[in-house]
N, C-alpha and C. Protein backbone atom coordinates (compact mmCIF):
# COMPACT_ATOMS: atom_id res chain seq x y z
N MET A 1 -17.15 -30.70 -31.66
CA MET A 1 -15.81 -30.19 -31.40
C MET A 1 -14.97 -30.18 -32.68
N LEU A 2 -15.07 -31.28 -33.44
CA LEU A 2 -14.33 -31.37 -34.69
C LEU A 2 -14.80 -30.32 -35.68
N ARG A 3 -16.12 -30.06 -35.67
CA ARG A 3 -16.68 -29.04 -36.54
C ARG A 3 -16.11 -27.65 -36.21
N LEU A 4 -15.95 -27.38 -34.91
CA LEU A 4 -15.40 -26.10 -34.46
C LEU A 4 -13.94 -25.94 -34.90
N ILE A 5 -13.16 -27.02 -34.80
CA ILE A 5 -11.76 -26.99 -35.23
C ILE A 5 -11.68 -26.76 -36.72
N ASN A 6 -12.49 -27.43 -37.48
CA ASN A 6 -12.51 -27.25 -38.94
C ASN A 6 -12.91 -25.84 -39.34
N LYS A 7 -13.78 -25.22 -38.54
CA LYS A 7 -14.25 -23.87 -38.85
C LYS A 7 -13.10 -22.87 -38.77
N PHE A 8 -12.20 -23.04 -37.80
CA PHE A 8 -11.09 -22.11 -37.62
C PHE A 8 -9.79 -22.57 -38.28
N SER A 9 -9.80 -23.70 -38.91
CA SER A 9 -8.62 -24.22 -39.58
C SER A 9 -8.42 -23.49 -40.92
N PRO A 10 -7.19 -23.05 -41.21
CA PRO A 10 -6.97 -22.34 -42.48
C PRO A 10 -7.01 -23.31 -43.66
N PRO A 11 -7.20 -22.80 -44.87
CA PRO A 11 -7.17 -23.68 -46.05
C PRO A 11 -5.81 -24.38 -46.14
N GLU A 12 -5.78 -25.52 -46.83
CA GLU A 12 -4.57 -26.33 -46.95
C GLU A 12 -3.37 -25.53 -47.41
N SER A 13 -3.54 -24.66 -48.39
CA SER A 13 -2.41 -23.90 -48.94
C SER A 13 -1.87 -22.85 -47.96
N TRP A 14 -2.63 -22.53 -46.93
CA TRP A 14 -2.22 -21.51 -45.95
C TRP A 14 -1.61 -22.11 -44.69
N LYS A 15 -1.71 -23.40 -44.49
CA LYS A 15 -1.31 -24.01 -43.21
C LYS A 15 0.15 -23.74 -42.86
N ILE A 16 1.07 -23.94 -43.79
CA ILE A 16 2.50 -23.74 -43.49
C ILE A 16 2.79 -22.26 -43.22
N PRO A 17 2.31 -21.31 -44.07
CA PRO A 17 2.56 -19.89 -43.73
C PRO A 17 1.96 -19.48 -42.38
N VAL A 18 0.77 -19.98 -42.07
CA VAL A 18 0.13 -19.64 -40.79
C VAL A 18 0.95 -20.19 -39.63
N ILE A 19 1.42 -21.42 -39.76
CA ILE A 19 2.25 -22.02 -38.70
C ILE A 19 3.54 -21.23 -38.53
N LEU A 20 4.18 -20.82 -39.64
CA LEU A 20 5.42 -20.04 -39.56
C LEU A 20 5.19 -18.67 -38.91
N VAL A 21 4.11 -18.01 -39.30
CA VAL A 21 3.80 -16.69 -38.72
C VAL A 21 3.51 -16.83 -37.23
N LEU A 22 2.68 -17.81 -36.85
CA LEU A 22 2.37 -18.00 -35.43
C LEU A 22 3.60 -18.40 -34.64
N GLY A 23 4.45 -19.26 -35.21
CA GLY A 23 5.69 -19.65 -34.54
C GLY A 23 6.63 -18.48 -34.33
N THR A 24 6.75 -17.65 -35.37
CA THR A 24 7.60 -16.44 -35.26
C THR A 24 7.05 -15.50 -34.20
N PHE A 25 5.74 -15.28 -34.22
CA PHE A 25 5.10 -14.40 -33.24
C PHE A 25 5.31 -14.91 -31.82
N CYS A 26 5.09 -16.21 -31.61
CA CYS A 26 5.30 -16.81 -30.28
C CYS A 26 6.77 -16.72 -29.86
N GLY A 27 7.68 -16.93 -30.81
CA GLY A 27 9.11 -16.82 -30.52
C GLY A 27 9.50 -15.42 -30.09
N ILE A 28 8.94 -14.40 -30.75
CA ILE A 28 9.22 -13.01 -30.39
C ILE A 28 8.71 -12.70 -28.99
N ILE A 29 7.53 -13.21 -28.68
CA ILE A 29 6.97 -12.99 -27.33
C ILE A 29 7.84 -13.65 -26.28
N VAL A 30 8.25 -14.90 -26.50
CA VAL A 30 9.10 -15.61 -25.54
C VAL A 30 10.44 -14.89 -25.39
N LEU A 31 11.03 -14.46 -26.50
CA LEU A 31 12.30 -13.74 -26.45
C LEU A 31 12.17 -12.42 -25.69
N THR A 32 11.09 -11.70 -25.93
CA THR A 32 10.86 -10.43 -25.22
C THR A 32 10.72 -10.67 -23.72
N LEU A 33 9.96 -11.70 -23.34
CA LEU A 33 9.80 -12.01 -21.91
C LEU A 33 11.14 -12.41 -21.29
N ARG A 34 11.96 -13.14 -22.04
CA ARG A 34 13.28 -13.57 -21.53
C ARG A 34 14.23 -12.39 -21.39
N ILE A 35 14.33 -11.56 -22.42
CA ILE A 35 15.26 -10.43 -22.39
C ILE A 35 14.87 -9.43 -21.30
N SER A 36 13.59 -9.20 -21.13
CA SER A 36 13.15 -8.20 -20.14
C SER A 36 13.09 -8.74 -18.72
N ASN A 37 13.40 -10.02 -18.53
CA ASN A 37 13.27 -10.65 -17.21
C ASN A 37 11.89 -10.42 -16.62
N ALA A 38 10.88 -10.54 -17.44
CA ALA A 38 9.51 -10.18 -17.06
C ALA A 38 9.03 -10.89 -15.81
N PHE A 39 9.39 -12.16 -15.64
CA PHE A 39 8.87 -12.90 -14.49
C PHE A 39 9.52 -12.47 -13.18
N SER A 40 10.67 -11.79 -13.24
CA SER A 40 11.31 -11.32 -12.01
C SER A 40 10.48 -10.24 -11.34
N TYR A 41 9.63 -9.55 -12.11
CA TYR A 41 8.81 -8.48 -11.55
C TYR A 41 7.65 -9.01 -10.72
N LEU A 42 7.38 -10.29 -10.79
CA LEU A 42 6.33 -10.88 -9.97
C LEU A 42 6.82 -11.11 -8.54
N SER A 43 8.13 -11.05 -8.33
CA SER A 43 8.71 -11.30 -7.01
C SER A 43 8.90 -9.99 -6.25
N ASP A 44 9.42 -10.10 -5.05
CA ASP A 44 9.76 -8.94 -4.25
C ASP A 44 11.27 -8.72 -4.21
N ASP A 45 12.00 -9.37 -5.09
CA ASP A 45 13.46 -9.27 -5.12
C ASP A 45 13.89 -7.87 -5.57
N PRO A 46 14.67 -7.15 -4.74
CA PRO A 46 15.11 -5.80 -5.11
C PRO A 46 15.96 -5.75 -6.37
N SER A 47 16.66 -6.83 -6.70
CA SER A 47 17.48 -6.79 -7.91
C SER A 47 16.62 -6.70 -9.17
N ALA A 48 15.32 -7.02 -9.08
CA ALA A 48 14.43 -6.84 -10.22
C ALA A 48 14.29 -5.36 -10.56
N CYS A 49 14.45 -4.51 -9.57
CA CYS A 49 14.31 -3.07 -9.80
C CYS A 49 15.48 -2.50 -10.60
N VAL A 50 16.58 -3.22 -10.68
CA VAL A 50 17.70 -2.73 -11.48
C VAL A 50 17.87 -3.55 -12.76
N ASN A 51 16.81 -4.24 -13.19
CA ASN A 51 16.86 -4.89 -14.49
C ASN A 51 17.15 -3.87 -15.57
N CYS A 52 16.59 -2.70 -15.43
CA CYS A 52 17.00 -1.60 -16.31
C CYS A 52 17.93 -0.73 -15.46
N HIS A 53 19.12 -0.51 -15.96
CA HIS A 53 20.18 0.05 -15.13
C HIS A 53 19.99 1.51 -14.76
N VAL A 54 18.94 2.19 -15.22
CA VAL A 54 18.73 3.58 -14.80
C VAL A 54 18.32 3.67 -13.34
N MET A 55 17.93 2.55 -12.74
CA MET A 55 17.54 2.55 -11.33
C MET A 55 18.72 2.31 -10.40
N ALA A 56 19.92 2.26 -10.93
CA ALA A 56 21.11 1.97 -10.11
C ALA A 56 21.29 2.95 -8.95
N PRO A 57 21.14 4.28 -9.13
CA PRO A 57 21.30 5.18 -7.98
C PRO A 57 20.27 4.92 -6.88
N GLN A 58 19.03 4.63 -7.27
CA GLN A 58 17.99 4.36 -6.28
C GLN A 58 18.31 3.06 -5.54
N PHE A 59 18.77 2.06 -6.25
CA PHE A 59 19.12 0.79 -5.61
C PHE A 59 20.30 0.98 -4.66
N ALA A 60 21.33 1.69 -5.10
CA ALA A 60 22.52 1.89 -4.28
C ALA A 60 22.22 2.70 -3.02
N THR A 61 21.42 3.75 -3.15
CA THR A 61 21.12 4.57 -1.98
C THR A 61 20.20 3.83 -1.01
N TRP A 62 19.26 3.02 -1.53
CA TRP A 62 18.42 2.21 -0.64
C TRP A 62 19.26 1.17 0.08
N GLN A 63 20.18 0.53 -0.64
CA GLN A 63 20.98 -0.56 -0.09
C GLN A 63 21.84 -0.10 1.09
N THR A 64 22.31 1.11 1.04
CA THR A 64 23.18 1.61 2.12
C THR A 64 22.41 2.38 3.19
N SER A 65 21.10 2.47 3.03
CA SER A 65 20.30 3.19 4.04
C SER A 65 19.85 2.25 5.15
N SER A 66 19.25 2.83 6.18
CA SER A 66 18.73 2.01 7.27
C SER A 66 17.59 1.12 6.78
N HIS A 67 16.85 1.55 5.78
CA HIS A 67 15.77 0.73 5.22
C HIS A 67 16.31 -0.48 4.47
N GLY A 68 17.53 -0.41 3.97
CA GLY A 68 18.13 -1.50 3.21
C GLY A 68 18.29 -2.77 4.03
N ARG A 69 18.31 -2.64 5.34
CA ARG A 69 18.47 -3.81 6.20
C ARG A 69 17.14 -4.48 6.54
N VAL A 70 16.03 -3.76 6.39
CA VAL A 70 14.75 -4.32 6.85
C VAL A 70 13.64 -4.31 5.80
N THR A 71 13.86 -3.70 4.66
CA THR A 71 12.80 -3.61 3.65
C THR A 71 13.32 -4.01 2.27
N VAL A 72 12.39 -4.20 1.37
CA VAL A 72 12.71 -4.32 -0.05
C VAL A 72 11.91 -3.22 -0.76
N CYS A 73 12.19 -3.01 -2.04
CA CYS A 73 11.55 -1.92 -2.79
C CYS A 73 10.03 -1.97 -2.69
N ASN A 74 9.47 -3.18 -2.81
CA ASN A 74 8.02 -3.31 -2.81
C ASN A 74 7.39 -3.00 -1.46
N ASP A 75 8.14 -3.05 -0.39
CA ASP A 75 7.59 -2.69 0.92
C ASP A 75 7.14 -1.24 0.94
N CYS A 76 7.82 -0.38 0.20
CA CYS A 76 7.48 1.04 0.16
C CYS A 76 6.69 1.43 -1.08
N HIS A 77 7.00 0.84 -2.22
CA HIS A 77 6.49 1.36 -3.49
C HIS A 77 5.30 0.62 -4.07
N VAL A 78 4.75 -0.36 -3.35
CA VAL A 78 3.61 -1.14 -3.85
C VAL A 78 2.55 -1.19 -2.76
N PRO A 79 1.26 -1.07 -3.11
CA PRO A 79 0.20 -1.16 -2.10
C PRO A 79 0.18 -2.53 -1.43
N HIS A 80 -0.24 -2.54 -0.16
CA HIS A 80 -0.27 -3.79 0.59
C HIS A 80 -1.64 -4.10 1.18
N ASP A 81 -2.67 -3.36 0.78
CA ASP A 81 -3.98 -3.62 1.38
C ASP A 81 -4.66 -4.85 0.79
N ASN A 82 -4.38 -5.20 -0.49
CA ASN A 82 -4.87 -6.47 -1.04
C ASN A 82 -4.01 -6.89 -2.23
N VAL A 83 -4.03 -8.18 -2.53
CA VAL A 83 -3.16 -8.74 -3.57
C VAL A 83 -3.54 -8.21 -4.94
N PHE A 84 -4.83 -8.06 -5.22
CA PHE A 84 -5.27 -7.57 -6.52
C PHE A 84 -4.72 -6.17 -6.79
N ARG A 85 -4.88 -5.27 -5.83
CA ARG A 85 -4.39 -3.89 -6.01
C ARG A 85 -2.87 -3.88 -6.17
N LYS A 86 -2.18 -4.76 -5.42
CA LYS A 86 -0.72 -4.83 -5.50
C LYS A 86 -0.27 -5.14 -6.92
N TYR A 87 -0.82 -6.19 -7.53
CA TYR A 87 -0.37 -6.61 -8.85
C TYR A 87 -0.87 -5.70 -9.97
N VAL A 88 -2.04 -5.09 -9.80
CA VAL A 88 -2.51 -4.11 -10.78
C VAL A 88 -1.57 -2.90 -10.77
N PHE A 89 -1.21 -2.45 -9.57
CA PHE A 89 -0.29 -1.31 -9.45
C PHE A 89 1.08 -1.65 -10.04
N LYS A 90 1.60 -2.85 -9.72
CA LYS A 90 2.89 -3.27 -10.27
C LYS A 90 2.85 -3.33 -11.80
N ALA A 91 1.74 -3.83 -12.34
CA ALA A 91 1.60 -3.93 -13.80
C ALA A 91 1.58 -2.55 -14.45
N GLN A 92 0.80 -1.62 -13.90
CA GLN A 92 0.71 -0.28 -14.46
C GLN A 92 2.06 0.43 -14.37
N ASP A 93 2.67 0.37 -13.19
CA ASP A 93 3.94 1.04 -12.98
C ASP A 93 5.04 0.39 -13.83
N GLY A 94 5.04 -0.92 -13.89
CA GLY A 94 6.04 -1.63 -14.67
C GLY A 94 5.91 -1.36 -16.16
N LEU A 95 4.69 -1.28 -16.65
CA LEU A 95 4.47 -0.98 -18.06
C LEU A 95 4.98 0.42 -18.39
N ARG A 96 4.71 1.38 -17.50
CA ARG A 96 5.21 2.75 -17.72
C ARG A 96 6.73 2.76 -17.70
N HIS A 97 7.34 2.08 -16.72
CA HIS A 97 8.80 2.04 -16.62
C HIS A 97 9.42 1.38 -17.85
N SER A 98 8.87 0.24 -18.26
CA SER A 98 9.47 -0.47 -19.40
C SER A 98 9.30 0.32 -20.69
N THR A 99 8.18 1.00 -20.85
CA THR A 99 7.99 1.83 -22.04
C THR A 99 9.00 2.98 -22.06
N MET A 100 9.17 3.63 -20.93
CA MET A 100 10.13 4.76 -20.87
C MET A 100 11.55 4.28 -21.13
N PHE A 101 11.92 3.12 -20.57
CA PHE A 101 13.28 2.63 -20.75
C PHE A 101 13.49 2.13 -22.18
N THR A 102 12.52 1.44 -22.74
CA THR A 102 12.65 0.91 -24.10
C THR A 102 12.83 2.03 -25.11
N PHE A 103 12.07 3.11 -24.95
CA PHE A 103 12.14 4.22 -25.90
C PHE A 103 13.08 5.33 -25.45
N ARG A 104 13.89 5.04 -24.43
CA ARG A 104 14.92 5.98 -23.94
C ARG A 104 14.31 7.33 -23.55
N LEU A 105 13.21 7.30 -22.83
CA LEU A 105 12.53 8.52 -22.38
C LEU A 105 12.80 8.84 -20.92
N GLU A 106 13.68 8.06 -20.27
CA GLU A 106 13.90 8.26 -18.84
C GLU A 106 14.63 9.60 -18.61
N PRO A 107 14.18 10.34 -17.60
CA PRO A 107 14.82 11.63 -17.29
C PRO A 107 16.12 11.42 -16.52
N GLN A 108 16.93 12.46 -16.44
CA GLN A 108 18.17 12.39 -15.67
C GLN A 108 17.87 12.21 -14.19
N VAL A 109 16.85 12.88 -13.70
CA VAL A 109 16.44 12.74 -12.30
C VAL A 109 15.04 12.14 -12.29
N ILE A 110 14.92 11.00 -11.66
CA ILE A 110 13.64 10.30 -11.62
C ILE A 110 12.82 10.83 -10.46
N HIS A 111 11.59 11.26 -10.76
CA HIS A 111 10.67 11.76 -9.73
C HIS A 111 9.49 10.82 -9.62
N ILE A 112 9.04 10.61 -8.41
CA ILE A 112 7.90 9.73 -8.16
C ILE A 112 6.63 10.40 -8.68
N LYS A 113 5.73 9.59 -9.25
CA LYS A 113 4.47 10.08 -9.80
C LYS A 113 3.42 10.16 -8.68
N GLU A 114 2.30 10.81 -8.98
CA GLU A 114 1.25 11.05 -7.99
C GLU A 114 0.73 9.75 -7.36
N ALA A 115 0.50 8.72 -8.18
CA ALA A 115 0.01 7.44 -7.63
C ALA A 115 1.05 6.83 -6.70
N GLY A 116 2.32 6.95 -7.06
CA GLY A 116 3.40 6.43 -6.22
C GLY A 116 3.51 7.18 -4.91
N ILE A 117 3.29 8.49 -4.95
CA ILE A 117 3.35 9.29 -3.72
C ILE A 117 2.32 8.79 -2.72
N ALA A 118 1.09 8.54 -3.20
CA ALA A 118 0.02 8.06 -2.31
C ALA A 118 0.39 6.71 -1.70
N VAL A 119 0.95 5.81 -2.51
CA VAL A 119 1.30 4.47 -2.04
C VAL A 119 2.44 4.53 -1.02
N VAL A 120 3.48 5.31 -1.31
CA VAL A 120 4.60 5.42 -0.37
C VAL A 120 4.13 6.01 0.95
N GLN A 121 3.27 7.02 0.89
CA GLN A 121 2.75 7.62 2.12
C GLN A 121 1.95 6.60 2.93
N GLU A 122 1.11 5.82 2.24
CA GLU A 122 0.35 4.75 2.92
C GLU A 122 1.30 3.79 3.63
N ASN A 123 2.37 3.42 2.93
CA ASN A 123 3.29 2.44 3.49
C ASN A 123 4.16 2.99 4.61
N CYS A 124 4.49 4.27 4.56
CA CYS A 124 5.19 4.88 5.69
C CYS A 124 4.33 4.75 6.94
N ILE A 125 3.06 5.10 6.80
CA ILE A 125 2.15 5.04 7.94
C ILE A 125 1.91 3.59 8.36
N ARG A 126 1.79 2.67 7.39
CA ARG A 126 1.56 1.25 7.71
C ARG A 126 2.71 0.68 8.55
N CYS A 127 3.95 0.97 8.15
CA CYS A 127 5.11 0.41 8.87
C CYS A 127 5.41 1.14 10.18
N HIS A 128 5.19 2.44 10.20
CA HIS A 128 5.57 3.24 11.37
C HIS A 128 4.34 3.70 12.14
N ASP A 129 3.28 2.90 12.10
CA ASP A 129 2.01 3.28 12.73
C ASP A 129 2.18 3.59 14.21
N GLY A 130 3.02 2.83 14.91
CA GLY A 130 3.22 3.08 16.34
C GLY A 130 3.84 4.45 16.62
N LEU A 131 4.64 4.93 15.68
CA LEU A 131 5.27 6.25 15.86
C LEU A 131 4.36 7.38 15.40
N VAL A 132 3.74 7.21 14.23
CA VAL A 132 2.91 8.30 13.71
C VAL A 132 1.61 8.44 14.49
N ASP A 133 1.18 7.38 15.16
CA ASP A 133 -0.02 7.45 15.95
C ASP A 133 0.13 8.47 17.09
N ARG A 134 1.35 8.58 17.62
CA ARG A 134 1.59 9.51 18.74
C ARG A 134 1.56 10.96 18.29
N ILE A 135 1.76 11.21 16.99
CA ILE A 135 1.75 12.61 16.52
C ILE A 135 0.51 12.90 15.68
N GLY A 136 -0.41 11.93 15.59
CA GLY A 136 -1.68 12.17 14.91
C GLY A 136 -1.64 12.00 13.41
N ALA A 137 -0.59 11.42 12.86
CA ALA A 137 -0.50 11.30 11.40
C ALA A 137 -1.32 10.15 10.86
N SER A 138 -1.53 9.10 11.64
CA SER A 138 -2.20 7.92 11.09
C SER A 138 -3.70 8.14 10.88
N SER A 139 -4.26 9.16 11.46
CA SER A 139 -5.69 9.38 11.30
C SER A 139 -6.01 10.13 10.01
N VAL A 140 -5.02 10.72 9.38
CA VAL A 140 -5.24 11.48 8.16
C VAL A 140 -5.13 10.54 6.97
N THR A 141 -6.07 10.63 6.01
CA THR A 141 -6.10 9.64 4.93
C THR A 141 -5.56 10.14 3.60
N GLY A 142 -5.50 11.42 3.36
CA GLY A 142 -5.07 11.93 2.05
C GLY A 142 -3.60 11.69 1.79
N PRO A 143 -3.24 11.52 0.48
CA PRO A 143 -1.84 11.24 0.15
C PRO A 143 -0.92 12.43 0.41
N THR A 144 -1.46 13.62 0.47
CA THR A 144 -0.60 14.78 0.70
C THR A 144 -0.83 15.40 2.07
N SER A 145 -1.45 14.66 2.97
CA SER A 145 -1.70 15.27 4.27
C SER A 145 -1.36 14.31 5.40
N THR A 146 -0.35 14.67 6.17
CA THR A 146 -0.05 13.97 7.42
C THR A 146 0.16 15.04 8.47
N HIS A 147 0.13 14.65 9.68
CA HIS A 147 0.31 15.58 10.81
C HIS A 147 -0.76 16.66 10.79
N GLY A 148 -1.77 16.53 9.92
CA GLY A 148 -2.80 17.56 9.83
C GLY A 148 -2.28 18.84 9.22
N GLN A 149 -1.07 18.84 8.65
CA GLN A 149 -0.48 20.07 8.12
C GLN A 149 -0.19 19.98 6.62
N GLY A 150 -0.67 18.95 5.94
CA GLY A 150 -0.45 18.82 4.51
C GLY A 150 0.97 18.40 4.15
N LEU A 151 1.67 17.74 5.06
CA LEU A 151 3.04 17.31 4.80
C LEU A 151 3.10 15.82 4.54
N LEU A 152 4.05 15.43 3.69
CA LEU A 152 4.35 14.02 3.48
C LEU A 152 5.46 13.62 4.43
N CYS A 153 5.54 12.35 4.77
CA CYS A 153 6.56 11.88 5.73
C CYS A 153 7.96 12.29 5.31
N TRP A 154 8.28 12.14 4.01
CA TRP A 154 9.65 12.41 3.55
C TRP A 154 9.95 13.88 3.36
N GLN A 155 8.98 14.75 3.63
CA GLN A 155 9.31 16.17 3.61
C GLN A 155 10.15 16.53 4.84
N CYS A 156 9.95 15.82 5.93
CA CYS A 156 10.81 16.00 7.11
C CYS A 156 11.96 14.99 7.11
N HIS A 157 11.67 13.78 6.72
CA HIS A 157 12.66 12.71 6.71
C HIS A 157 13.24 12.58 5.30
N ARG A 158 13.84 13.65 4.82
CA ARG A 158 14.28 13.82 3.44
C ARG A 158 15.33 12.79 2.99
N GLU A 159 16.19 12.40 3.86
CA GLU A 159 17.28 11.50 3.50
C GLU A 159 16.86 10.03 3.46
N THR A 160 15.62 9.74 3.86
CA THR A 160 15.18 8.36 4.00
C THR A 160 14.42 7.92 2.76
N PRO A 161 14.71 6.81 2.17
CA PRO A 161 15.92 6.02 2.25
C PRO A 161 16.90 6.30 1.11
N HIS A 162 16.56 7.21 0.19
CA HIS A 162 17.39 7.39 -1.00
C HIS A 162 18.31 8.59 -0.98
N GLY A 163 18.33 9.36 0.08
CA GLY A 163 19.17 10.55 0.09
C GLY A 163 18.53 11.66 -0.72
N ARG A 164 19.25 12.76 -0.87
CA ARG A 164 18.69 13.92 -1.57
C ARG A 164 18.88 13.88 -3.08
N VAL A 165 19.99 13.35 -3.56
CA VAL A 165 20.30 13.42 -4.98
C VAL A 165 20.15 12.04 -5.60
N ASN A 166 19.31 11.94 -6.64
CA ASN A 166 19.05 10.65 -7.27
C ASN A 166 19.21 10.68 -8.78
N SER A 167 20.07 11.53 -9.30
CA SER A 167 20.23 11.58 -10.74
C SER A 167 21.06 10.39 -11.22
N LEU A 168 21.10 10.19 -12.54
CA LEU A 168 21.85 9.08 -13.10
C LEU A 168 23.34 9.19 -12.78
N SER A 169 23.83 10.40 -12.53
CA SER A 169 25.25 10.57 -12.25
C SER A 169 25.55 10.71 -10.76
N SER A 170 24.56 10.57 -9.90
CA SER A 170 24.78 10.79 -8.46
C SER A 170 25.54 9.65 -7.80
N ALA A 171 25.48 8.47 -8.36
CA ALA A 171 26.17 7.32 -7.78
C ALA A 171 26.87 6.55 -8.90
N PRO A 172 27.85 7.18 -9.58
CA PRO A 172 28.42 6.54 -10.77
C PRO A 172 29.20 5.26 -10.49
N PHE A 173 29.74 5.11 -9.30
CA PHE A 173 30.54 3.92 -8.99
C PHE A 173 29.85 3.01 -7.98
N ALA A 174 28.54 3.12 -7.90
CA ALA A 174 27.77 2.31 -6.95
C ALA A 174 27.84 0.85 -7.32
N ARG A 175 27.89 0.02 -6.30
CA ARG A 175 27.90 -1.43 -6.53
C ARG A 175 26.46 -1.92 -6.58
N VAL A 176 26.04 -2.28 -7.76
CA VAL A 176 24.69 -2.80 -7.95
C VAL A 176 24.80 -4.13 -8.70
N PRO A 177 23.76 -4.97 -8.61
CA PRO A 177 23.83 -6.25 -9.33
C PRO A 177 24.00 -6.02 -10.83
N ARG A 178 24.78 -6.89 -11.45
CA ARG A 178 24.97 -6.80 -12.90
C ARG A 178 23.67 -7.19 -13.60
N LEU A 179 23.48 -6.64 -14.79
CA LEU A 179 22.34 -7.05 -15.59
C LEU A 179 22.54 -8.51 -15.99
N SER A 180 21.48 -9.27 -15.97
CA SER A 180 21.59 -10.69 -16.28
C SER A 180 21.75 -10.89 -17.80
N LYS A 181 22.34 -12.03 -18.15
CA LYS A 181 22.51 -12.36 -19.56
C LYS A 181 21.16 -12.56 -20.22
N THR A 182 21.04 -12.11 -21.44
CA THR A 182 19.77 -12.26 -22.15
C THR A 182 19.76 -13.46 -23.08
N THR A 183 20.92 -14.02 -23.35
CA THR A 183 20.98 -15.16 -24.26
C THR A 183 21.22 -16.45 -23.48
N PRO A 184 20.68 -17.56 -23.96
CA PRO A 184 20.93 -18.83 -23.28
C PRO A 184 22.39 -19.26 -23.48
N GLU A 185 22.89 -20.06 -22.56
CA GLU A 185 24.30 -20.48 -22.60
C GLU A 185 24.64 -21.26 -23.87
N TRP A 186 23.71 -22.02 -24.42
CA TRP A 186 24.01 -22.81 -25.61
C TRP A 186 24.35 -21.94 -26.81
N MET A 187 23.98 -20.64 -26.76
CA MET A 187 24.28 -19.74 -27.88
C MET A 187 25.65 -19.08 -27.76
N ASP A 188 26.28 -19.18 -26.59
CA ASP A 188 27.57 -18.51 -26.37
C ASP A 188 28.62 -18.84 -27.43
N PRO A 189 28.82 -20.11 -27.81
CA PRO A 189 29.84 -20.38 -28.83
C PRO A 189 29.58 -19.69 -30.17
N PHE A 190 28.30 -19.48 -30.48
CA PHE A 190 27.97 -18.84 -31.75
C PHE A 190 28.13 -17.33 -31.70
N LEU A 191 28.07 -16.76 -30.49
CA LEU A 191 28.12 -15.31 -30.34
C LEU A 191 29.52 -14.76 -30.13
N THR A 192 30.44 -15.59 -29.67
CA THR A 192 31.80 -15.11 -29.44
C THR A 192 32.57 -15.08 -30.76
N LEU A 193 33.20 -13.97 -30.96
CA LEU A 193 33.99 -13.82 -32.18
C LEU A 193 35.39 -14.36 -31.94
N LYS A 194 35.86 -15.17 -32.84
CA LYS A 194 37.21 -15.72 -32.71
C LYS A 194 38.19 -14.77 -33.38
N LYS A 195 39.26 -14.45 -32.65
CA LYS A 195 40.27 -13.55 -33.20
C LYS A 195 41.21 -14.35 -34.11
N PRO A 196 41.58 -13.80 -35.27
CA PRO A 196 42.47 -14.53 -36.18
C PRO A 196 43.88 -14.65 -35.65
């Protein structure tokens, strides 16, 4: 074991620079995880969906809809057939969202992607199975085919749960949770500017 540690140990003259570089790298990772509220995405809390404020219209329209009383975002937008698929989907979708938000690539009107369409359709049928069973929709498996006519649930139920308009300006005065502070409280005295 000692031989293995010595094999990967840097030369004496490099130890301090290596420790500083590794410490800086670890600090940047911890800071990035803190600022992005990364661990909130492991939960089902709807306020995690508005960590980046471009989702405010979607949050506001969901909150005031009939679904806002009985569901959370993940009930519709994440697979529920197994835990592995759920977290793989959340990771892929979250990585795409965070990349778009970080590099300011988000569009004015957010449209659901093909993988999301399939998942939302699955979840509509999963939750409303007793209703769709009577019209024959639950027997169809494709993401773009229900009722045997190639329709998605929200093509008829258009207002559910987000309404028709979801652009960044569609709900400018919506009440949504505030973005959380990114700095620890002990830094507040150093960050506030004192007026002369």
